[in-house]
Amino acid sequence: MKKDKIKKLSRDVIQFEINALKSLKKNINDSFIKVIKTILECKNGKVIISGVGKSGIISRKWAATLSSTGTPSFFLDPTNASHGDLGQITSNDIVILISNSGESNELKNIIQYTSRNSSIKLIGITSKKDSILFKNSDVSFLMPSIKEAGLENIVPTSSTTSQLALGDAIAIACMKYKNFNKFDFKKIHPSGSLSLKLKTVGDLMITGKRMPIVRENMTLKHALKIISNKKLGLLVVSNDSGNTTGIITDGDLKRIAQKFDKFEKLKLKKIMKKNPVSVDIDTLAASALSIMNSRKITSLCVYKNKKKTRTIGIVHMHDILKSNIN
């Protein structure tokens, strides 16, 4: 086969699938809204997704994407469902069945089971309006009638691409209306590069007794012992009300020691740098690192709930770098 023919064949396949997605886009109507509303109203049940063959593979992807974006879901194998796994479906659950034809034999037992239980909602995803699935679903979404890529319109290609895209659209819509944000996403994605990108200073900051917080009226003699013991290379200075008023680094101390003969008697409020750079606890670690680099500093004070003068933690550049965030 010639290279040009292979390229044309491949482009034709992709174009078939692009056309299918365009048709699906036009089909996003009130039925889609009903699907989203039904899922969002599922407060005390589970979202269970099933399909046969290629649609079964897509069903697994739907379940995985929904679960990872704030809608707990799982895949139910339709064959196993007929041999006892129907027991996984209970009151107040939502069952989503994906079937291009809507007539797959393996799904009929699930359809019958949900029909006998009024508290279980069935969402049918199919391209056949006269199918068993469409007619027996509480909520039906009609997929557009499309032509599969390849020989004789028999290989599931364009149809499964559309199913995949529809699942993503449903997951993102539900995520949006549940106010599921990047921090929620991070909680259920603790491993991998996504989790690293979403780490905040709150995940990495030093807190409690490890923080080198001292009072303004402390002398430099006592401060030197604390900065040596805490081993962070800095002191956060606060007033009697506990509000942060300044910061002193070990570099500052060295310069002061060279400048003054009786430097040990100096009070910190006389030599500290006022208004230290602070960030909110939810600031991404990568953003904090960028701030440090631009300011040419190695640590930031951390506050919460807009109380910028109340330091609740300290984030150090070394801790961010050790987490492989750059």
Protein backbone atom coordinates (compact mmCIF):
# COMPACT_ATOMS: atom_id res chain seq x y z
CA MET A 1 0.00 0.00 0.00
CA LYS A 2 1.31 3.43 -0.90
CA LYS A 3 2.12 6.02 1.76
CA ASP A 4 -0.34 8.53 0.31
CA LYS A 5 -3.19 6.01 0.48
CA ILE A 6 -2.41 5.20 4.12
CA LYS A 7 -2.39 8.90 4.98
CA LYS A 8 -5.70 9.45 3.18
CA LEU A 9 -7.31 6.45 4.88
CA SER A 10 -6.21 7.65 8.31
CA ARG A 11 -7.41 11.18 7.67
CA ASP A 12 -10.75 9.85 6.48
CA VAL A 13 -11.17 7.88 9.73
CA ILE A 14 -10.44 10.98 11.78
CA GLN A 15 -12.82 13.04 9.66
CA PHE A 16 -15.60 10.50 10.22
CA GLU A 17 -15.09 10.87 13.95
CA ILE A 18 -14.95 14.67 13.75
CA ASN A 19 -18.27 14.62 11.90
CA ALA A 20 -19.70 12.35 14.60
CA LEU A 21 -18.63 14.78 17.32
CA LYS A 22 -20.21 17.68 15.44
CA SER A 23 -23.48 15.75 15.28
CA LEU A 24 -23.25 14.99 18.99
CA LYS A 25 -22.67 18.66 19.75
CA LYS A 26 -25.97 19.50 18.02
CA ASN A 27 -27.73 16.86 20.12
CA ILE A 28 -26.86 18.50 23.44
CA ASN A 29 -30.42 19.45 24.33
CA ASP A 30 -32.95 19.26 27.16
CA SER A 31 -32.44 15.49 27.40
CA PHE A 32 -28.81 16.13 28.30
CA ILE A 33 -29.94 18.56 31.01
CA LYS A 34 -32.24 15.85 32.42
CA VAL A 35 -29.28 13.45 32.58
CA ILE A 36 -27.20 15.99 34.52
CA LYS A 37 -30.09 16.86 36.84
CA THR A 38 -30.78 13.19 37.59
CA ILE A 39 -27.13 12.54 38.49
CA LEU A 40 -26.88 15.67 40.64
CA GLU A 41 -30.01 14.67 42.55
CA CYS A 42 -28.45 11.33 43.49
CA LYS A 43 -27.59 12.14 47.11
CA ASN A 44 -28.06 8.82 48.90
CA GLY A 45 -27.27 6.35 46.14
CA LYS A 46 -24.55 5.30 43.72
CA VAL A 47 -24.00 5.89 40.03
CA ILE A 48 -23.58 2.55 38.26
CA ILE A 49 -22.57 2.37 34.61
CA SER A 50 -22.75 -0.62 32.28
CA GLY A 51 -22.38 -1.53 28.63
CA VAL A 52 -21.45 -4.42 26.37
CA GLY A 53 -18.40 -4.81 24.14
CA LYS A 54 -16.82 -1.53 23.07
CA SER A 55 -19.58 0.35 24.90
CA GLY A 56 -18.53 -1.60 28.00
CA ILE A 57 -15.01 -0.24 27.66
CA ILE A 58 -16.44 3.27 27.30
CA SER A 59 -18.60 2.62 30.39
CA ARG A 60 -15.48 1.91 32.43
CA LYS A 61 -14.02 5.22 31.26
CA TRP A 62 -17.22 7.05 32.22
CA ALA A 63 -17.12 5.54 35.71
CA ALA A 64 -13.45 6.42 36.15
CA THR A 65 -13.88 10.01 34.96
CA LEU A 66 -17.00 10.63 37.03
CA SER A 67 -15.34 9.21 40.16
CA SER A 68 -12.24 11.34 39.68
CA THR A 69 -14.31 14.52 39.33
CA GLY A 70 -16.54 14.23 42.38
CA THR A 71 -19.30 11.81 41.32
CA PRO A 72 -18.58 8.37 42.87
CA SER A 73 -19.31 5.73 40.22
CA PHE A 74 -18.42 2.18 39.29
CA PHE A 75 -18.70 -0.14 36.30
CA LEU A 76 -21.06 -3.14 36.45
CA ASP A 77 -20.23 -6.02 34.14
CA PRO A 78 -23.56 -6.92 32.45
CA THR A 79 -22.77 -10.63 32.20
CA ASN A 80 -21.91 -10.91 35.89
CA ALA A 81 -24.99 -8.84 36.68
CA SER A 82 -27.13 -11.74 35.45
CA HIS A 83 -25.31 -14.08 37.81
CA GLY A 84 -25.75 -12.26 41.10
CA ASP A 85 -24.11 -8.87 40.66
CA LEU A 86 -27.51 -7.23 40.23
CA GLY A 87 -27.33 -7.16 44.01
CA GLN A 88 -24.87 -4.27 43.68
CA ILE A 89 -27.79 -2.12 42.55
CA THR A 90 -29.83 -0.87 45.50
CA SER A 91 -32.50 1.72 46.30
CA ASN A 92 -31.83 5.32 45.24
CA ASP A 93 -29.10 4.27 42.81
CA ILE A 94 -28.77 5.56 39.27
CA VAL A 95 -27.97 3.06 36.53
CA ILE A 96 -26.57 4.33 33.23
CA LEU A 97 -26.65 1.88 30.33
CA ILE A 98 -24.69 2.66 27.17
CA SER A 99 -25.66 0.77 24.02
CA ASN A 100 -25.51 1.98 20.45
CA SER A 101 -28.34 -0.35 19.40
CA GLY A 102 -30.20 -0.32 22.70
CA GLU A 103 -31.00 -4.00 22.15
CA SER A 104 -28.02 -5.84 23.67
CA ASN A 105 -29.28 -9.05 25.29
CA GLU A 106 -26.84 -8.76 28.17
CA LEU A 107 -28.46 -5.48 29.26
CA LYS A 108 -32.06 -6.71 29.28
CA ASN A 109 -31.84 -8.24 32.76
CA ILE A 110 -30.54 -4.94 34.14
CA ILE A 111 -33.37 -3.06 32.41
CA GLN A 112 -35.97 -5.44 33.87
CA TYR A 113 -34.43 -5.23 37.34
CA THR A 114 -34.49 -1.41 37.39
CA SER A 115 -38.04 -1.37 36.00
CA ARG A 116 -39.25 -3.41 38.98
CA ASN A 117 -37.66 -0.99 41.46
CA SER A 118 -39.20 2.48 41.26
CA SER A 119 -36.52 4.00 43.51
CA ILE A 120 -33.81 3.13 40.96
CA LYS A 121 -33.41 5.57 38.06
CA LEU A 122 -32.35 4.24 34.67
CA ILE A 123 -30.55 6.51 32.20
CA GLY A 124 -30.35 5.08 28.70
CA ILE A 125 -27.73 6.20 26.21
CA THR A 126 -28.53 4.87 22.72
CA SER A 127 -28.90 5.87 19.08
CA LYS A 128 -32.15 3.91 18.50
CA LYS A 129 -35.37 5.62 19.57
CA ASP A 130 -37.41 2.46 19.08
CA SER A 131 -35.06 0.31 21.17
CA ILE A 132 -35.89 -1.49 24.42
CA LEU A 133 -33.36 0.65 26.27
CA PHE A 134 -34.76 3.98 25.06
CA LYS A 135 -38.38 3.03 25.76
CA ASN A 136 -37.73 1.68 29.27
CA SER A 137 -35.43 4.37 30.59
CA ASP A 138 -36.52 7.02 33.08
CA VAL A 139 -34.24 9.43 31.26
CA SER A 140 -33.09 8.77 27.69
CA PHE A 141 -30.41 10.50 25.67
CA LEU A 142 -30.56 9.86 21.94
CA MET A 143 -27.13 9.66 20.33
CA PRO A 144 -27.02 10.95 16.75
CA SER A 145 -27.23 8.41 13.94
CA ILE A 146 -23.74 8.40 12.49
CA LYS A 147 -21.63 6.43 10.08
CA GLU A 148 -18.77 4.36 11.43
CA ALA A 149 -15.33 4.83 9.93
CA GLY A 150 -13.92 1.95 7.92
CA LEU A 151 -15.34 -0.85 5.83
CA GLU A 152 -19.11 -1.46 5.59
CA ASN A 153 -20.01 0.74 8.57
CA ILE A 154 -19.46 -2.20 10.95
CA VAL A 155 -16.48 -1.30 13.19
CA PRO A 156 -17.40 0.72 16.32
CA THR A 157 -15.31 3.83 15.79
CA SER A 158 -17.27 7.04 15.35
CA SER A 159 -19.97 5.80 17.74
CA THR A 160 -17.56 5.01 20.57
CA THR A 161 -15.72 8.29 20.08
CA SER A 162 -19.06 10.06 20.54
CA GLN A 163 -19.88 8.00 23.62
CA LEU A 164 -16.52 8.87 25.11
CA ALA A 165 -17.02 12.59 24.49
CA LEU A 166 -20.53 12.49 25.94
CA GLY A 167 -19.21 10.92 29.14
CA ASP A 168 -16.61 13.66 29.48
CA ALA A 169 -19.28 16.33 28.92
CA ILE A 170 -21.47 14.78 31.64
CA ALA A 171 -18.56 14.48 34.09
CA ILE A 172 -17.39 18.08 33.63
CA ALA A 173 -20.93 19.46 33.85
CA CYS A 174 -21.52 17.59 37.13
CA MET A 175 -18.13 18.68 38.44
CA LYS A 176 -18.95 22.32 37.68
CA TYR A 177 -22.32 22.28 39.42
CA LYS A 178 -20.92 20.45 42.45
CA ASN A 179 -18.27 23.20 42.79
CA PHE A 180 -15.64 20.48 42.66
CA ASN A 181 -12.36 22.44 42.46
CA LYS A 182 -8.68 21.75 41.97
CA PHE A 183 -8.15 21.16 45.67
CA ASP A 184 -10.92 18.54 45.77
CA PHE A 185 -9.30 17.00 42.69
CA LYS A 186 -5.95 16.86 44.47
CA LYS A 187 -7.42 14.97 47.44
CA ILE A 188 -8.42 12.00 45.28
CA HIS A 189 -5.31 12.14 43.08
CA PRO A 190 -2.54 11.85 45.71
CA SER A 191 -0.02 10.30 43.30
CA GLY A 192 1.44 11.37 40.01
CA SER A 193 2.33 14.64 38.34
CA LEU A 194 -1.16 16.14 38.73
CA SER A 195 -0.92 15.88 42.49
CA LEU A 196 2.48 17.55 42.47
CA LYS A 197 1.17 20.46 40.42
CA LEU A 198 -1.71 20.93 42.85
CA LYS A 199 0.32 20.84 46.07
CA THR A 200 -0.18 23.97 48.15
CA VAL A 201 2.01 25.69 50.70
CA GLY A 202 -0.38 24.25 53.29
CA ASP A 203 0.82 20.78 52.33
CA LEU A 204 4.48 21.66 52.81
CA MET A 205 4.67 24.38 55.47
CA ILE A 206 6.32 24.10 58.86
CA THR A 207 3.92 24.59 61.75
CA GLY A 208 3.60 24.53 65.53
CA LYS A 209 6.69 24.32 67.71
CA ARG A 210 8.93 23.96 64.68
CA MET A 211 8.24 27.58 63.71
CA PRO A 212 10.88 30.07 64.90
CA ILE A 213 8.50 32.78 66.15
CA VAL A 214 9.93 35.33 68.60
CA ARG A 215 8.76 38.56 70.23
CA GLU A 216 9.84 42.04 69.12
CA ASN A 217 11.51 42.92 72.45
CA MET A 218 13.77 39.88 72.48
CA THR A 219 17.45 40.70 72.36
CA LEU A 220 19.66 39.46 69.59
CA LYS A 221 21.62 37.36 72.09
CA HIS A 222 18.60 35.15 72.77
CA ALA A 223 17.50 35.26 69.14
CA LEU A 224 20.81 33.77 68.02
CA LYS A 225 20.21 30.68 70.16
CA ILE A 226 16.72 30.18 68.70
CA ILE A 227 17.74 30.61 65.09
CA SER A 228 20.52 28.09 65.70
CA ASN A 229 18.18 25.55 67.32
CA LYS A 230 15.35 25.85 64.76
CA LYS A 231 17.77 25.47 61.84
CA LEU A 232 15.59 27.31 59.32
CA GLY A 233 17.87 30.29 58.82
CA LEU A 234 15.25 32.83 59.89
CA LEU A 235 13.10 34.21 62.69
CA VAL A 236 9.52 35.44 62.39
CA VAL A 237 9.00 38.41 64.70
CA SER A 238 5.63 39.14 66.32
CA ASN A 239 4.19 41.70 68.74
CA ASP A 240 2.48 41.01 72.07
CA SER A 241 -0.82 40.45 70.26
CA GLY A 242 0.68 37.65 68.19
CA ASN A 243 0.65 39.58 64.94
CA THR A 244 3.63 39.18 62.65
CA THR A 245 5.56 42.42 62.33
CA GLY A 246 8.85 41.42 60.76
CA ILE A 247 11.42 38.82 59.83
CA ILE A 248 15.15 38.32 60.39
CA THR A 249 17.38 35.95 58.44
CA ASP A 250 20.74 34.54 59.39
CA GLY A 251 22.22 36.74 56.67
CA ASP A 252 20.77 39.80 58.38
CA LEU A 253 22.33 38.69 61.66
CA LYS A 254 25.78 38.37 60.13
CA ARG A 255 25.59 41.85 58.64
CA ILE A 256 24.40 43.32 61.94
CA ALA A 257 27.20 41.59 63.84
CA GLN A 258 29.75 43.22 61.54
CA LYS A 259 28.10 46.64 61.84
CA PHE A 260 27.56 46.95 65.61
CA ASP A 261 30.03 46.31 68.45
CA LYS A 262 27.41 45.44 71.08
CA PHE A 263 24.95 43.85 68.73
CA GLU A 264 23.84 41.18 71.23
CA LYS A 265 21.89 43.75 73.26
CA LEU A 266 19.90 45.03 70.30
CA LYS A 267 16.18 44.33 70.31
CA LEU A 268 14.72 42.61 67.30
CA LYS A 269 12.14 45.31 66.56
CA LYS A 270 15.02 47.71 65.87
CA ILE A 271 16.73 45.55 63.27
CA MET A 272 14.01 43.34 61.69
CA LYS A 273 12.72 43.68 58.15
CA LYS A 274 9.13 44.86 58.39
CA ASN A 275 6.15 43.46 56.46
CA PRO A 276 7.56 40.04 55.49
CA VAL A 277 6.27 38.46 52.28
CA SER A 278 3.28 36.25 53.08
CA VAL A 279 1.03 33.93 51.08
CA ASP A 280 -2.35 32.28 51.67
CA ILE A 281 -2.38 28.66 52.81
CA ASP A 282 -4.05 27.60 49.54
CA THR A 283 -1.37 29.14 47.32
CA LEU A 284 0.07 26.56 44.94
CA ALA A 285 3.59 25.54 45.92
CA ALA A 286 4.77 26.26 42.37
CA SER A 287 3.47 29.84 42.69
CA ALA A 288 5.18 30.23 46.06
CA LEU A 289 8.45 29.07 44.52
CA SER A 290 8.06 31.65 41.77
CA ILE A 291 7.53 34.38 44.37
CA MET A 292 10.68 33.32 46.22
CA ASN A 293 12.73 33.35 43.05
CA SER A 294 11.50 36.78 42.00
CA ARG A 295 12.05 38.27 45.49
CA LYS A 296 15.36 36.43 45.94
CA ILE A 297 14.25 34.96 49.28
CA THR A 298 14.11 31.40 50.60
CA SER A 299 11.02 31.41 52.86
CA LEU A 300 7.50 32.78 53.04
CA CYS A 301 5.13 33.31 55.94
CA VAL A 302 1.76 31.57 55.53
CA TYR A 303 -1.60 32.93 56.66
CA LYS A 304 -5.22 31.77 56.48
CA ASN A 305 -8.63 33.42 55.94
CA LYS A 306 -7.13 36.74 54.81
CA LYS A 307 -5.50 37.29 58.23
CA LYS A 308 -2.16 38.28 56.75
CA THR A 309 -0.57 39.30 60.03
CA ARG A 310 -1.29 35.92 61.67
CA THR A 311 1.45 33.54 60.62
CA ILE A 312 0.28 29.93 60.89
CA GLY A 313 3.21 28.37 59.05
CA ILE A 314 6.43 28.90 57.16
CA VAL A 315 7.20 27.42 53.78
CA HIS A 316 10.84 27.02 52.81
CA MET A 317 12.21 26.80 49.28
CA HIS A 318 14.06 23.57 50.13
CA ASP A 319 10.82 21.82 51.12
CA ILE A 320 9.22 22.77 47.82
CA LEU A 321 12.21 21.59 45.82
CA LYS A 322 12.33 18.31 47.75
CA SER A 323 8.75 17.69 46.60
CA ASN A 324 9.96 17.85 42.97
CA ILE A 325 7.89 20.93 42.25
CA ASN A 326 9.54 23.32 39.82
